[in-house]
Amino acid sequence: MNTKVEPGEYRFDGFKWLVVFLLIGVGVFANSFYAEEVKLLYRVLGLVVLAGVCCFVAFNTSKGFAFWSLFKEAQIEVRKVVWPTNAETNQTTLLVVVVVVITAIVLWILDWAIGQLAKLVIG
């Protein structure tokens, strides 16, 4: 059931990553350069569009294809998970709280007993 799709040949990956980093640099520079002249809304929209272009270029590289494949496989695996019901979650939570309280009481008693023993030894 585990079928791997062989990606096509990716050319100019280094150039594509250079374009991505240059676009990010241009976005940072433009955001700071036009901070006073352009409203925040337009700068944010411009950065969102620029981020979309960067993602498109990055996903057209071999690393981007590998990331996208991993993301899709993770979605498939999440669908296979059997999630607990609300009642099971509440019961498990209650059990954990009870165990923590009992452990705290036992440790408190041990601490008190060792303290009393130390008082007897030290005087």
PDB file of N, CA and C in Angstrom:
ATOM      1  N   MET A   1       0.820  -1.186   0.000  1.00  0.00           N
ATOM      2  CA  MET A   1       0.000   0.000   0.000  1.00  0.00           C
ATOM      3  C   MET A   1       0.862   1.247   0.000  1.00  0.00           C
ATOM      4  N   ASN A   2       2.110   1.078   0.322  1.00  0.00           N
ATOM      5  CA  ASN A   2       3.020   2.215   0.368  1.00  0.00           C
ATOM      6  C   ASN A   2       3.632   2.405  -1.013  1.00  0.00           C
ATOM      7  N   THR A   3       3.032   3.255  -1.791  1.00  0.00           N
ATOM      8  CA  THR A   3       3.554   3.521  -3.125  1.00  0.00           C
ATOM      9  C   THR A   3       4.190   4.886  -3.128  1.00  0.00           C
ATOM     10  N   LYS A   4       5.391   4.926  -3.624  1.00  0.00           N
ATOM     11  CA  LYS A   4       6.124   6.186  -3.696  1.00  0.00           C
ATOM     12  C   LYS A   4       6.025   6.714  -5.128  1.00  0.00           C
ATOM     13  N   VAL A   5       5.699   7.971  -5.227  1.00  0.00           N
ATOM     14  CA  VAL A   5       5.663   8.620  -6.528  1.00  0.00           C
ATOM     15  C   VAL A   5       7.029   9.240  -6.751  1.00  0.00           C
ATOM     16  N   GLU A   6       7.659   8.832  -7.797  1.00  0.00           N
ATOM     17  CA  GLU A   6       8.968   9.394  -8.105  1.00  0.00           C
ATOM     18  C   GLU A   6       8.793  10.797  -8.650  1.00  0.00           C
ATOM     19  N   PRO A   7       9.425  11.765  -8.042  1.00  0.00           N
ATOM     20  CA  PRO A   7       9.292  13.140  -8.532  1.00  0.00           C
ATOM     21  C   PRO A   7       9.998  13.293  -9.873  1.00  0.00           C
ATOM     22  N   GLY A   8       9.520  14.266 -10.619  1.00  0.00           N
ATOM     23  CA  GLY A   8      10.162  14.562 -11.885  1.00  0.00           C
ATOM     24  C   GLY A   8      11.519  15.193 -11.654  1.00  0.00           C
ATOM     25  N   GLU A   9      12.189  15.453 -12.721  1.00  0.00           N
ATOM     26  CA  GLU A   9      13.509  16.056 -12.603  1.00  0.00           C
ATOM     27  C   GLU A   9      13.355  17.531 -12.264  1.00  0.00           C
ATOM     28  N   TYR A  10      14.053  17.952 -11.237  1.00  0.00           N
ATOM     29  CA  TYR A  10      13.985  19.343 -10.807  1.00  0.00           C
ATOM     30  C   TYR A  10      15.260  20.035 -11.259  1.00  0.00           C
ATOM     31  N   ARG A  11      15.086  21.056 -12.045  1.00  0.00           N
ATOM     32  CA  ARG A  11      16.236  21.804 -12.552  1.00  0.00           C
ATOM     33  C   ARG A  11      16.268  23.170 -11.883  1.00  0.00           C
ATOM     34  N   PHE A  12      17.445  23.679 -11.795  1.00  0.00           N
ATOM     35  CA  PHE A  12      17.658  25.033 -11.273  1.00  0.00           C
ATOM     36  C   PHE A  12      17.165  25.193  -9.843  1.00  0.00           C
ATOM     37  N   ASP A  13      17.294  24.144  -9.015  1.00  0.00           N
ATOM     38  CA  ASP A  13      16.852  24.251  -7.624  1.00  0.00           C
ATOM     39  C   ASP A  13      17.605  25.350  -6.878  1.00  0.00           C
ATOM     40  N   GLY A  14      18.892  25.428  -7.085  1.00  0.00           N
ATOM     41  CA  GLY A  14      19.674  26.470  -6.420  1.00  0.00           C
ATOM     42  C   GLY A  14      19.196  27.858  -6.806  1.00  0.00           C
ATOM     43  N   PHE A  15      18.913  28.041  -8.096  1.00  0.00           N
ATOM     44  CA  PHE A  15      18.423  29.335  -8.570  1.00  0.00           C
ATOM     45  C   PHE A  15      17.050  29.648  -7.977  1.00  0.00           C
ATOM     46  N   LYS A  16      16.195  28.628  -7.879  1.00  0.00           N
ATOM     47  CA  LYS A  16      14.858  28.843  -7.304  1.00  0.00           C
ATOM     48  C   LYS A  16      14.956  29.256  -5.836  1.00  0.00           C
ATOM     49  N   TRP A  17      15.850  28.600  -5.082  1.00  0.00           N
ATOM     50  CA  TRP A  17      16.014  28.984  -3.684  1.00  0.00           C
ATOM     51  C   TRP A  17      16.597  30.387  -3.568  1.00  0.00           C
ATOM     52  N   LEU A  18      17.481  30.745  -4.480  1.00  0.00           N
ATOM     53  CA  LEU A  18      18.022  32.105  -4.488  1.00  0.00           C
ATOM     54  C   LEU A  18      16.905  33.114  -4.732  1.00  0.00           C
ATOM     55  N   VAL A  19      16.004  32.797  -5.659  1.00  0.00           N
ATOM     56  CA  VAL A  19      14.861  33.679  -5.940  1.00  0.00           C
ATOM     57  C   VAL A  19      13.983  33.809  -4.692  1.00  0.00           C
ATOM     58  N   VAL A  20      13.742  32.692  -3.998  1.00  0.00           N
ATOM     59  CA  VAL A  20      12.912  32.730  -2.789  1.00  0.00           C
ATOM     60  C   VAL A  20      13.543  33.656  -1.749  1.00  0.00           C
ATOM     61  N   PHE A  21      14.840  33.486  -1.496  1.00  0.00           N
ATOM     62  CA  PHE A  21      15.493  34.322  -0.489  1.00  0.00           C
ATOM     63  C   PHE A  21      15.570  35.780  -0.917  1.00  0.00           C
ATOM     64  N   LEU A  22      15.760  36.033  -2.202  1.00  0.00           N
ATOM     65  CA  LEU A  22      15.748  37.416  -2.678  1.00  0.00           C
ATOM     66  C   LEU A  22      14.370  38.047  -2.523  1.00  0.00           C
ATOM     67  N   LEU A  23      13.320  37.287  -2.813  1.00  0.00           N
ATOM     68  CA  LEU A  23      11.964  37.816  -2.637  1.00  0.00           C
ATOM     69  C   LEU A  23      11.671  38.112  -1.171  1.00  0.00           C
ATOM     70  N   ILE A  24      12.138  37.244  -0.282  1.00  0.00           N
ATOM     71  CA  ILE A  24      11.960  37.508   1.144  1.00  0.00           C
ATOM     72  C   ILE A  24      12.705  38.783   1.541  1.00  0.00           C
ATOM     73  N   GLY A  25      13.920  38.938   1.038  1.00  0.00           N
ATOM     74  CA  GLY A  25      14.690  40.149   1.326  1.00  0.00           C
ATOM     75  C   GLY A  25      14.005  41.392   0.786  1.00  0.00           C
ATOM     76  N   VAL A  26      13.474  41.299  -0.427  1.00  0.00           N
ATOM     77  CA  VAL A  26      12.761  42.442  -1.015  1.00  0.00           C
ATOM     78  C   VAL A  26      11.535  42.771  -0.169  1.00  0.00           C
ATOM     79  N   GLY A  27      10.824  41.759   0.301  1.00  0.00           N
ATOM     80  CA  GLY A  27       9.646  41.994   1.135  1.00  0.00           C
ATOM     81  C   GLY A  27      10.001  42.685   2.430  1.00  0.00           C
ATOM     82  N   VAL A  28      11.062  42.234   3.073  1.00  0.00           N
ATOM     83  CA  VAL A  28      11.488  42.850   4.342  1.00  0.00           C
ATOM     84  C   VAL A  28      11.917  44.294   4.100  1.00  0.00           C
ATOM     85  N   PHE A  29      12.714  44.515   3.036  1.00  0.00           N
ATOM     86  CA  PHE A  29      13.179  45.871   2.737  1.00  0.00           C
ATOM     87  C   PHE A  29      12.015  46.791   2.398  1.00  0.00           C
ATOM     88  N   ALA A  30      11.092  46.311   1.541  1.00  0.00           N
ATOM     89  CA  ALA A  30       9.968  47.148   1.131  1.00  0.00           C
ATOM     90  C   ALA A  30       9.058  47.458   2.324  1.00  0.00           C
ATOM     91  N   ASN A  31       8.872  46.493   3.209  1.00  0.00           N
ATOM     92  CA  ASN A  31       8.023  46.722   4.378  1.00  0.00           C
ATOM     93  C   ASN A  31       8.608  47.804   5.278  1.00  0.00           C
ATOM     94  N   SER A  32       9.913  47.771   5.466  1.00  0.00           N
ATOM     95  CA  SER A  32      10.515  48.793   6.327  1.00  0.00           C
ATOM     96  C   SER A  32      10.657  50.127   5.595  1.00  0.00           C
ATOM     97  N   PHE A  33      10.925  50.093   4.284  1.00  0.00           N
ATOM     98  CA  PHE A  33      11.114  51.326   3.523  1.00  0.00           C
ATOM     99  C   PHE A  33       9.804  52.111   3.396  1.00  0.00           C
ATOM    100  N   TYR A  34       8.704  51.397   3.173  1.00  0.00           N
ATOM    101  CA  TYR A  34       7.411  52.057   2.993  1.00  0.00           C
ATOM    102  C   TYR A  34       6.572  52.074   4.267  1.00  0.00           C
ATOM    103  N   ALA A  35       7.200  51.964   5.411  1.00  0.00           N
ATOM    104  CA  ALA A  35       6.466  51.909   6.681  1.00  0.00           C
ATOM    105  C   ALA A  35       5.664  53.179   6.940  1.00  0.00           C
ATOM    106  N   GLU A  36       6.192  54.327   6.534  1.00  0.00           N
ATOM    107  CA  GLU A  36       5.509  55.595   6.799  1.00  0.00           C
ATOM    108  C   GLU A  36       4.532  55.985   5.691  1.00  0.00           C
ATOM    109  N   GLU A  37       4.830  55.615   4.437  1.00  0.00           N
ATOM    110  CA  GLU A  37       4.038  56.090   3.307  1.00  0.00           C
ATOM    111  C   GLU A  37       2.809  55.236   3.020  1.00  0.00           C
ATOM    112  N   VAL A  38       2.902  53.926   3.243  1.00  0.00           N
ATOM    113  CA  VAL A  38       1.835  53.011   2.843  1.00  0.00           C
ATOM    114  C   VAL A  38       1.141  52.478   4.094  1.00  0.00           C
ATOM    115  N   LYS A  39      -0.195  52.344   3.998  1.00  0.00           N
ATOM    116  CA  LYS A  39      -0.954  51.838   5.136  1.00  0.00           C
ATOM    117  C   LYS A  39      -0.550  50.405   5.452  1.00  0.00           C
ATOM    118  N   LEU A  40      -0.739  50.041   6.705  1.00  0.00           N
ATOM    119  CA  LEU A  40      -0.364  48.708   7.185  1.00  0.00           C
ATOM    120  C   LEU A  40      -1.108  47.614   6.421  1.00  0.00           C
ATOM    121  N   LEU A  41      -2.381  47.817   6.139  1.00  0.00           N
ATOM    122  CA  LEU A  41      -3.178  46.818   5.438  1.00  0.00           C
ATOM    123  C   LEU A  41      -2.563  46.480   4.084  1.00  0.00           C
ATOM    124  N   TYR A  42      -2.158  47.492   3.324  1.00  0.00           N
ATOM    125  CA  TYR A  42      -1.588  47.248   1.992  1.00  0.00           C
ATOM    126  C   TYR A  42      -0.231  46.559   2.096  1.00  0.00           C
ATOM    127  N   ARG A  43       0.550  46.911   3.113  1.00  0.00           N
ATOM    128  CA  ARG A  43       1.845  46.255   3.290  1.00  0.00           C
ATOM    129  C   ARG A  43       1.661  44.786   3.660  1.00  0.00           C
ATOM    130  N   VAL A  44       0.686  44.499   4.526  1.00  0.00           N
ATOM    131  CA  VAL A  44       0.418  43.112   4.915  1.00  0.00           C
ATOM    132  C   VAL A  44      -0.076  42.316   3.718  1.00  0.00           C
ATOM    133  N   LEU A  45      -0.994  42.891   2.940  1.00  0.00           N
ATOM    134  CA  LEU A  45      -1.481  42.194   1.748  1.00  0.00           C
ATOM    135  C   LEU A  45      -0.341  41.924   0.762  1.00  0.00           C
ATOM    136  N   GLY A  46       0.533  42.905   0.600  1.00  0.00           N
ATOM    137  CA  GLY A  46       1.686  42.707  -0.284  1.00  0.00           C
ATOM    138  C   GLY A  46       2.592  41.590   0.214  1.00  0.00           C
ATOM    139  N   LEU A  47       2.817  41.539   1.529  1.00  0.00           N
ATOM    140  CA  LEU A  47       3.656  40.480   2.094  1.00  0.00           C
ATOM    141  C   LEU A  47       2.991  39.112   1.979  1.00  0.00           C
ATOM    142  N   VAL A  48       1.666  39.058   2.098  1.00  0.00           N
ATOM    143  CA  VAL A  48       0.957  37.783   1.938  1.00  0.00           C
ATOM    144  C   VAL A  48       1.080  37.289   0.504  1.00  0.00           C
ATOM    145  N   VAL A  49       0.918  38.185  -0.453  1.00  0.00           N
ATOM    146  CA  VAL A  49       1.076  37.804  -1.856  1.00  0.00           C
ATOM    147  C   VAL A  49       2.506  37.360  -2.132  1.00  0.00           C
ATOM    148  N   LEU A  50       3.454  38.091  -1.605  1.00  0.00           N
ATOM    149  CA  LEU A  50       4.865  37.731  -1.779  1.00  0.00           C
ATOM    150  C   LEU A  50       5.170  36.380  -1.136  1.00  0.00           C
ATOM    151  N   ALA A  51       4.585  36.100   0.022  1.00  0.00           N
ATOM    152  CA  ALA A  51       4.774  34.800   0.673  1.00  0.00           C
ATOM    153  C   ALA A  51       4.167  33.686  -0.184  1.00  0.00           C
ATOM    154  N   GLY A  52       3.034  33.952  -0.800  1.00  0.00           N
ATOM    155  CA  GLY A  52       2.428  32.963  -1.695  1.00  0.00           C
ATOM    156  C   GLY A  52       3.323  32.655  -2.887  1.00  0.00           C
ATOM    157  N   VAL A  53       3.912  33.689  -3.470  1.00  0.00           N
ATOM    158  CA  VAL A  53       4.834  33.490  -4.592  1.00  0.00           C
ATOM    159  C   VAL A  53       6.060  32.702  -4.131  1.00  0.00           C
ATOM    160  N   CYS A  54       6.590  33.036  -2.958  1.00  0.00           N
ATOM    161  CA  CYS A  54       7.753  32.312  -2.419  1.00  0.00           C
ATOM    162  C   CYS A  54       7.413  30.844  -2.193  1.00  0.00           C
ATOM    163  N   CYS A  55       6.237  30.566  -1.643  1.00  0.00           N
ATOM    164  CA  CYS A  55       5.829  29.173  -1.420  1.00  0.00           C
ATOM    165  C   CYS A  55       5.679  28.432  -2.742  1.00  0.00           C
ATOM    166  N   PHE A  56       5.105  29.079  -3.736  1.00  0.00           N
ATOM    167  CA  PHE A  56       4.949  28.445  -5.045  1.00  0.00           C
ATOM    168  C   PHE A  56       6.300  28.078  -5.640  1.00  0.00           C
ATOM    169  N   VAL A  57       7.236  29.011  -5.582  1.00  0.00           N
ATOM    170  CA  VAL A  57       8.572  28.743  -6.132  1.00  0.00           C
ATOM    171  C   VAL A  57       9.265  27.659  -5.306  1.00  0.00           C
ATOM    172  N   ALA A  58       9.146  27.720  -3.989  1.00  0.00           N
ATOM    173  CA  ALA A  58       9.815  26.738  -3.131  1.00  0.00           C
ATOM    174  C   ALA A  58       9.232  25.342  -3.326  1.00  0.00           C
ATOM    175  N   PHE A  59       7.922  25.229  -3.525  1.00  0.00           N
ATOM    176  CA  PHE A  59       7.313  23.918  -3.708  1.00  0.00           C
ATOM    177  C   PHE A  59       7.646  23.311  -5.066  1.00  0.00           C
ATOM    178  N   ASN A  60       8.202  24.079  -5.951  1.00  0.00           N
ATOM    179  CA  ASN A  60       8.630  23.558  -7.248  1.00  0.00           C
ATOM    180  C   ASN A  60      10.083  23.118  -7.240  1.00  0.00           C
ATOM    181  N   THR A  61      10.648  22.913  -6.059  1.00  0.00           N
ATOM    182  CA  THR A  61      11.995  22.361  -5.926  1.00  0.00           C
ATOM    183  C   THR A  61      11.880  20.933  -5.397  1.00  0.00           C
ATOM    184  N   SER A  62      12.976  20.213  -5.407  1.00  0.00           N
ATOM    185  CA  SER A  62      12.924  18.836  -4.912  1.00  0.00           C
ATOM    186  C   SER A  62      12.617  18.800  -3.419  1.00  0.00           C
ATOM    187  N   LYS A  63      13.199  19.712  -2.644  1.00  0.00           N
ATOM    188  CA  LYS A  63      12.916  19.770  -1.204  1.00  0.00           C
ATOM    189  C   LYS A  63      11.457  20.166  -0.955  1.00  0.00           C
ATOM    190  N   GLY A  64      10.946  21.073  -1.744  1.00  0.00           N
ATOM    191  CA  GLY A  64       9.549  21.476  -1.604  1.00  0.00           C
ATOM    192  C   GLY A  64       8.603  20.332  -1.925  1.00  0.00           C
ATOM    193  N   PHE A  65       8.930  19.548  -2.968  1.00  0.00           N
ATOM    194  CA  PHE A  65       8.114  18.390  -3.316  1.00  0.00           C
ATOM    195  C   PHE A  65       8.150  17.365  -2.197  1.00  0.00           C
ATOM    196  N   ALA A  66       9.338  17.152  -1.601  1.00  0.00           N
ATOM    197  CA  ALA A  66       9.471  16.203  -0.495  1.00  0.00           C
ATOM    198  C   ALA A  66       8.648  16.667   0.706  1.00  0.00           C
ATOM    199  N   PHE A  67       8.673  17.965   1.003  1.00  0.00           N
ATOM    200  CA  PHE A  67       7.879  18.501   2.112  1.00  0.00           C
ATOM    201  C   PHE A  67       6.391  18.305   1.846  1.00  0.00           C
ATOM    202  N   TRP A  68       5.949  18.589   0.634  1.00  0.00           N
ATOM    203  CA  TRP A  68       4.535  18.461   0.293  1.00  0.00           C
ATOM    204  C   TRP A  68       4.101  17.002   0.390  1.00  0.00           C
ATOM    205  N   SER A  69       4.953  16.081  -0.060  1.00  0.00           N
ATOM    206  CA  SER A  69       4.638  14.657   0.045  1.00  0.00           C
ATOM    207  C   SER A  69       4.531  14.233   1.507  1.00  0.00           C
ATOM    208  N   LEU A  70       5.453  14.682   2.334  1.00  0.00           N
ATOM    209  CA  LEU A  70       5.407  14.376   3.761  1.00  0.00           C
ATOM    210  C   LEU A  70       4.126  14.917   4.393  1.00  0.00           C
ATOM    211  N   PHE A  71       3.738  16.111   4.019  1.00  0.00           N
ATOM    212  CA  PHE A  71       2.520  16.725   4.545  1.00  0.00           C
ATOM    213  C   PHE A  71       1.292  15.903   4.159  1.00  0.00           C
ATOM    214  N   LYS A  72       1.214  15.470   2.913  1.00  0.00           N
ATOM    215  CA  LYS A  72       0.079  14.672   2.450  1.00  0.00           C
ATOM    216  C   LYS A  72       0.044  13.321   3.158  1.00  0.00           C
ATOM    217  N   GLU A  73       1.201  12.676   3.318  1.00  0.00           N
ATOM    218  CA  GLU A  73       1.259  11.395   4.017  1.00  0.00           C
ATOM    219  C   GLU A  73       0.861  11.559   5.483  1.00  0.00           C
ATOM    220  N   ALA A  74       1.236  12.663   6.096  1.00  0.00           N
ATOM    221  CA  ALA A  74       0.851  12.917   7.492  1.00  0.00           C
ATOM    222  C   ALA A  74      -0.662  13.072   7.605  1.00  0.00           C
ATOM    223  N   GLN A  75      -1.278  13.732   6.636  1.00  0.00           N
ATOM    224  CA  GLN A  75      -2.738  13.865   6.648  1.00  0.00           C
ATOM    225  C   GLN A  75      -3.414  12.509   6.544  1.00  0.00           C
ATOM    226  N   ILE A  76      -2.878  11.634   5.716  1.00  0.00           N
ATOM    227  CA  ILE A  76      -3.441  10.286   5.572  1.00  0.00           C
ATOM    228  C   ILE A  76      -3.316   9.527   6.891  1.00  0.00           C
ATOM    229  N   GLU A  77      -2.171   9.635   7.551  1.00  0.00           N
ATOM    230  CA  GLU A  77      -1.962   8.944   8.825  1.00  0.00           C
ATOM    231  C   GLU A  77      -2.881   9.491   9.919  1.00  0.00           C
ATOM    232  N   VAL A  78      -3.126  10.800   9.922  1.00  0.00           N
ATOM    233  CA  VAL A  78      -4.011  11.393  10.929  1.00  0.00           C
ATOM    234  C   VAL A  78      -5.427  10.857  10.762  1.00  0.00           C
ATOM    235  N   ARG A  79      -5.832  10.608   9.520  1.00  0.00           N
ATOM    236  CA  ARG A  79      -7.169  10.050   9.292  1.00  0.00           C
ATOM    237  C   ARG A  79      -7.281   8.621   9.818  1.00  0.00           C
ATOM    238  N   LYS A  80      -6.162   7.911   9.920  1.00  0.00           N
ATOM    239  CA  LYS A  80      -6.177   6.525  10.390  1.00  0.00           C
ATOM    240  C   LYS A  80      -6.225   6.424  11.918  1.00  0.00           C
ATOM    241  N   VAL A  81      -5.974   7.511  12.626  1.00  0.00           N
ATOM    242  CA  VAL A  81      -5.916   7.485  14.087  1.00  0.00           C
ATOM    243  C   VAL A  81      -7.312   7.279  14.653  1.00  0.00           C
ATOM    244  N   VAL A  82      -7.403   6.410  15.650  1.00  0.00           N
ATOM    245  CA  VAL A  82      -8.665   6.211  16.358  1.00  0.00           C
ATOM    246  C   VAL A  82      -8.640   7.121  17.575  1.00  0.00           C
ATOM    247  N   TRP A  83      -9.427   8.172  17.527  1.00  0.00           N
ATOM    248  CA  TRP A  83      -9.434   9.161  18.589  1.00  0.00           C
ATOM    249  C   TRP A  83     -10.347   8.697  19.716  1.00  0.00           C
ATOM    250  N   PRO A  84      -9.981   8.983  20.980  1.00  0.00           N
ATOM    251  CA  PRO A  84     -10.821   8.560  22.101  1.00  0.00           C
ATOM    252  C   PRO A  84     -12.108   9.368  22.155  1.00  0.00           C
ATOM    253  N   THR A  85     -13.124   8.737  22.748  1.00  0.00           N
ATOM    254  CA  THR A  85     -14.387   9.451  22.914  1.00  0.00           C
ATOM    255  C   THR A  85     -14.251  10.439  24.068  1.00  0.00           C
ATOM    256  N   ASN A  86     -15.274  11.248  24.223  1.00  0.00           N
ATOM    257  CA  ASN A  86     -15.277  12.235  25.299  1.00  0.00           C
ATOM    258  C   ASN A  86     -15.245  11.545  26.662  1.00  0.00           C
ATOM    259  N   ALA A  87     -16.004  10.475  26.800  1.00  0.00           N
ATOM    260  CA  ALA A  87     -16.038   9.757  28.077  1.00  0.00           C
ATOM    261  C   ALA A  87     -14.670   9.138  28.385  1.00  0.00           C
ATOM    262  N   GLU A  88     -14.035   8.546  27.391  1.00  0.00           N
ATOM    263  CA  GLU A  88     -12.698   7.968  27.601  1.00  0.00           C
ATOM    264  C   GLU A  88     -11.685   9.032  28.003  1.00  0.00           C
ATOM    265  N   THR A  89     -11.763  10.187  27.374  1.00  0.00           N
ATOM    266  CA  THR A  89     -10.850  11.281  27.709  1.00  0.00           C
ATOM    267  C   THR A  89     -11.069  11.743  29.145  1.00  0.00           C
ATOM    268  N   ASN A  90     -12.327  11.884  29.548  1.00  0.00           N
ATOM    269  CA  ASN A  90     -12.629  12.314  30.928  1.00  0.00           C
ATOM    270  C   ASN A  90     -12.155  11.275  31.942  1.00  0.00           C
ATOM    271  N   GLN A  91     -12.369   9.994  31.653  1.00  0.00           N
ATOM    272  CA  GLN A  91     -11.941   8.943  32.573  1.00  0.00           C
ATOM    273  C   GLN A  91     -10.427   8.910  32.711  1.00  0.00           C
ATOM    274  N   THR A  92      -9.727   9.031  31.594  1.00  0.00           N
ATOM    275  CA  THR A  92      -8.270   9.016  31.631  1.00  0.00           C
ATOM    276  C   THR A  92      -7.737  10.217  32.399  1.00  0.00           C
ATOM    277  N   THR A  93      -8.327  11.376  32.169  1.00  0.00           N
ATOM    278  CA  THR A  93      -7.905  12.584  32.884  1.00  0.00           C
ATOM    279  C   THR A  93      -8.127  12.431  34.381  1.00  0.00           C
ATOM    280  N   LEU A  94      -9.284  11.913  34.766  1.00  0.00           N
ATOM    281  CA  LEU A  94      -9.585  11.705  36.182  1.00  0.00           C
ATOM    282  C   LEU A  94      -8.601  10.711  36.801  1.00  0.00           C
ATOM    283  N   LEU A  95      -8.278   9.644  36.077  1.00  0.00           N
ATOM    284  CA  LEU A  95      -7.323   8.659  36.578  1.00  0.00           C
ATOM    285  C   LEU A  95      -5.948   9.284  36.795  1.00  0.00           C
ATOM    286  N   VAL A  96      -5.509  10.114  35.852  1.00  0.00           N
ATOM    287  CA  VAL A  96      -4.205  10.774  35.984  1.00  0.00           C
ATOM    288  C   VAL A  96      -4.204  11.707  37.193  1.00  0.00           C
ATOM    289  N   VAL A  97      -5.275  12.450  37.401  1.00  0.00           N
ATOM    290  CA  VAL A  97      -5.348  13.364  38.542  1.00  0.00           C
ATOM    291  C   VAL A  97      -5.302  12.579  39.849  1.00  0.00           C
ATOM    292  N   VAL A  98      -6.024  11.474  39.927  1.00  0.00           N
ATOM    293  CA  VAL A  98      -6.032  10.662  41.151  1.00  0.00           C
ATOM    294  C   VAL A  98      -4.644  10.099  41.433  1.00  0.00           C
ATOM    295  N   VAL A  99      -3.983   9.580  40.407  1.00  0.00           N
ATOM    296  CA  VAL A  99      -2.641   9.021  40.594  1.00  0.00           C
ATOM    297  C   VAL A  99      -1.663  10.107  41.040  1.00  0.00           C
ATOM    298  N   VAL A 100      -1.754  11.291  40.480  1.00  0.00           N
ATOM    299  CA  VAL A 100      -0.863  12.392  40.867  1.00  0.00           C
ATOM    300  C   VAL A 100      -1.111  12.784  42.324  1.00  0.00           C
ATOM    301  N   VAL A 101      -2.364  12.861  42.738  1.00  0.00           N
ATOM    302  CA  VAL A 101      -2.678  13.226  44.124  1.00  0.00           C
ATOM    303  C   VAL A 101      -2.164  12.155  45.082  1.00  0.00           C
ATOM    304  N   ILE A 102      -2.377  10.874  44.757  1.00  0.00           N
ATOM    305  CA  ILE A 102      -1.887   9.801  45.621  1.00  0.00           C
ATOM    306  C   ILE A 102      -0.364   9.829  45.708  1.00  0.00           C
ATOM    307  N   THR A 103       0.293  10.018  44.599  1.00  0.00           N
ATOM    308  CA  THR A 103       1.758  10.109  44.594  1.00  0.00           C
ATOM    309  C   THR A 103       2.223  11.287  45.431  1.00  0.00           C
ATOM    310  N   ALA A 104       1.554  12.417  45.327  1.00  0.00           N
ATOM    311  CA  ALA A 104       1.931  13.594  46.114  1.00  0.00           C
ATOM    312  C   ALA A 104       1.776  13.322  47.605  1.00  0.00           C
ATOM    313  N   ILE A 105       0.700  12.642  47.981  1.00  0.00           N
ATOM    314  CA  ILE A 105       0.485  12.340  49.404  1.00  0.00           C
ATOM    315  C   ILE A 105       1.568  11.384  49.914  1.00  0.00           C
ATOM    316  N   VAL A 106       1.891  10.347  49.133  1.00  0.00           N
ATOM    317  CA  VAL A 106       2.928   9.400  49.537  1.00  0.00           C
ATOM    318  C   VAL A 106       4.269  10.108  49.680  1.00  0.00           C
ATOM    319  N   LEU A 107       4.615  10.946  48.737  1.00  0.00           N
ATOM    320  CA  LEU A 107       5.878  11.682  48.823  1.00  0.00           C
ATOM    321  C   LEU A 107       5.888  12.637  50.016  1.00  0.00           C
ATOM    322  N   TRP A 108       4.756  13.249  50.302  1.00  0.00           N
ATOM    323  CA  TRP A 108       4.671  14.153  51.450  1.00  0.00           C
ATOM    324  C   TRP A 108       4.889  13.387  52.752  1.00  0.00           C
ATOM    325  N   ILE A 109       4.264  12.209  52.847  1.00  0.00           N
ATOM    326  CA  ILE A 109       4.439  11.385  54.052  1.00  0.00           C
ATOM    327  C   ILE A 109       5.890  10.933  54.174  1.00  0.00           C
ATOM    328  N   LEU A 110       6.498  10.496  53.069  1.00  0.00           N
ATOM    329  CA  LEU A 110       7.904  10.094  53.115  1.00  0.00           C
ATOM    330  C   LEU A 110       8.802  11.264  53.513  1.00  0.00           C
ATOM    331  N   ASP A 111       8.536  12.420  52.989  1.00  0.00           N
ATOM    332  CA  ASP A 111       9.327  13.604  53.330  1.00  0.00           C
ATOM    333  C   ASP A 111       9.199  13.922  54.811  1.00  0.00           C
ATOM    334  N   TRP A 112       7.977  13.858  55.323  1.00  0.00           N
ATOM    335  CA  TRP A 112       7.752  14.123  56.746  1.00  0.00           C
ATOM    336  C   TRP A 112       8.478  13.084  57.616  1.00  0.00           C
ATOM    337  N   ALA A 113       8.396  11.799  57.215  1.00  0.00           N
ATOM    338  CA  ALA A 113       9.038  10.737  58.003  1.00  0.00           C
ATOM    339  C   ALA A 113      10.560  10.882  57.992  1.00  0.00           C
ATOM    340  N   ILE A 114      11.126  11.170  56.840  1.00  0.00           N
ATOM    341  CA  ILE A 114      12.576  11.352  56.761  1.00  0.00           C
ATOM    342  C   ILE A 114      12.996  12.592  57.524  1.00  0.00           C
ATOM    343  N   GLY A 115      12.203  13.619  57.521  1.00  0.00           N
ATOM    344  CA  GLY A 115      12.488  14.828  58.302  1.00  0.00           C
ATOM    345  C   GLY A 115      12.478  14.538  59.786  1.00  0.00           C
ATOM    346  N   GLN A 116      11.481  13.772  60.251  1.00  0.00           N
ATOM    347  CA  GLN A 116      11.419  13.388  61.663  1.00  0.00           C
ATOM    348  C   GLN A 116      12.622  12.534  62.047  1.00  0.00           C
ATOM    349  N   LEU A 117      13.010  11.612  61.162  1.00  0.00           N
ATOM    350  CA  LEU A 117      14.167  10.761  61.409  1.00  0.00           C
ATOM    351  C   LEU A 117      15.440  11.605  61.487  1.00  0.00           C
ATOM    352  N   ALA A 118      15.545  12.576  60.615  1.00  0.00           N
ATOM    353  CA  ALA A 118      16.716  13.451  60.637  1.00  0.00           C
ATOM    354  C   ALA A 118      16.760  14.264  61.926  1.00  0.00           C
ATOM    355  N   LYS A 119      15.610  14.711  62.408  1.00  0.00           N
ATOM    356  CA  LYS A 119      15.562  15.446  63.675  1.00  0.00           C
ATOM    357  C   LYS A 119      16.026  14.570  64.832  1.00  0.00           C
ATOM    358  N   LEU A 120      15.646  13.310  64.830  1.00  0.00           N
ATOM    359  CA  LEU A 120      16.082  12.396  65.890  1.00  0.00           C
ATOM    360  C   LEU A 120      17.594  12.182  65.851  1.00  0.00           C
ATOM    361  N   VAL A 121      18.143  12.041  64.631  1.00  0.00           N
ATOM    362  CA  VAL A 121      19.580  11.778  64.494  1.00  0.00           C
ATOM    363  C   VAL A 121      20.381  13.023  64.865  1.00  0.00           C
ATOM    364  N   ILE A 122      19.948  14.176  64.341  1.00  0.00           N
ATOM    365  CA  ILE A 122      20.701  15.416  64.565  1.00  0.00           C
ATOM    366  C   ILE A 122      20.465  15.927  65.980  1.00  0.00           C
ATOM    367  N   GLY A 123      19.268  15.813  66.437  1.00  0.00           N
ATOM    368  CA  GLY A 123      19.044  16.221  67.825  1.00  0.00           C
ATOM    369  C   GLY A 123      18.232  17.398  67.961  1.00  0.00           C
TER     370      GLY A 123
END
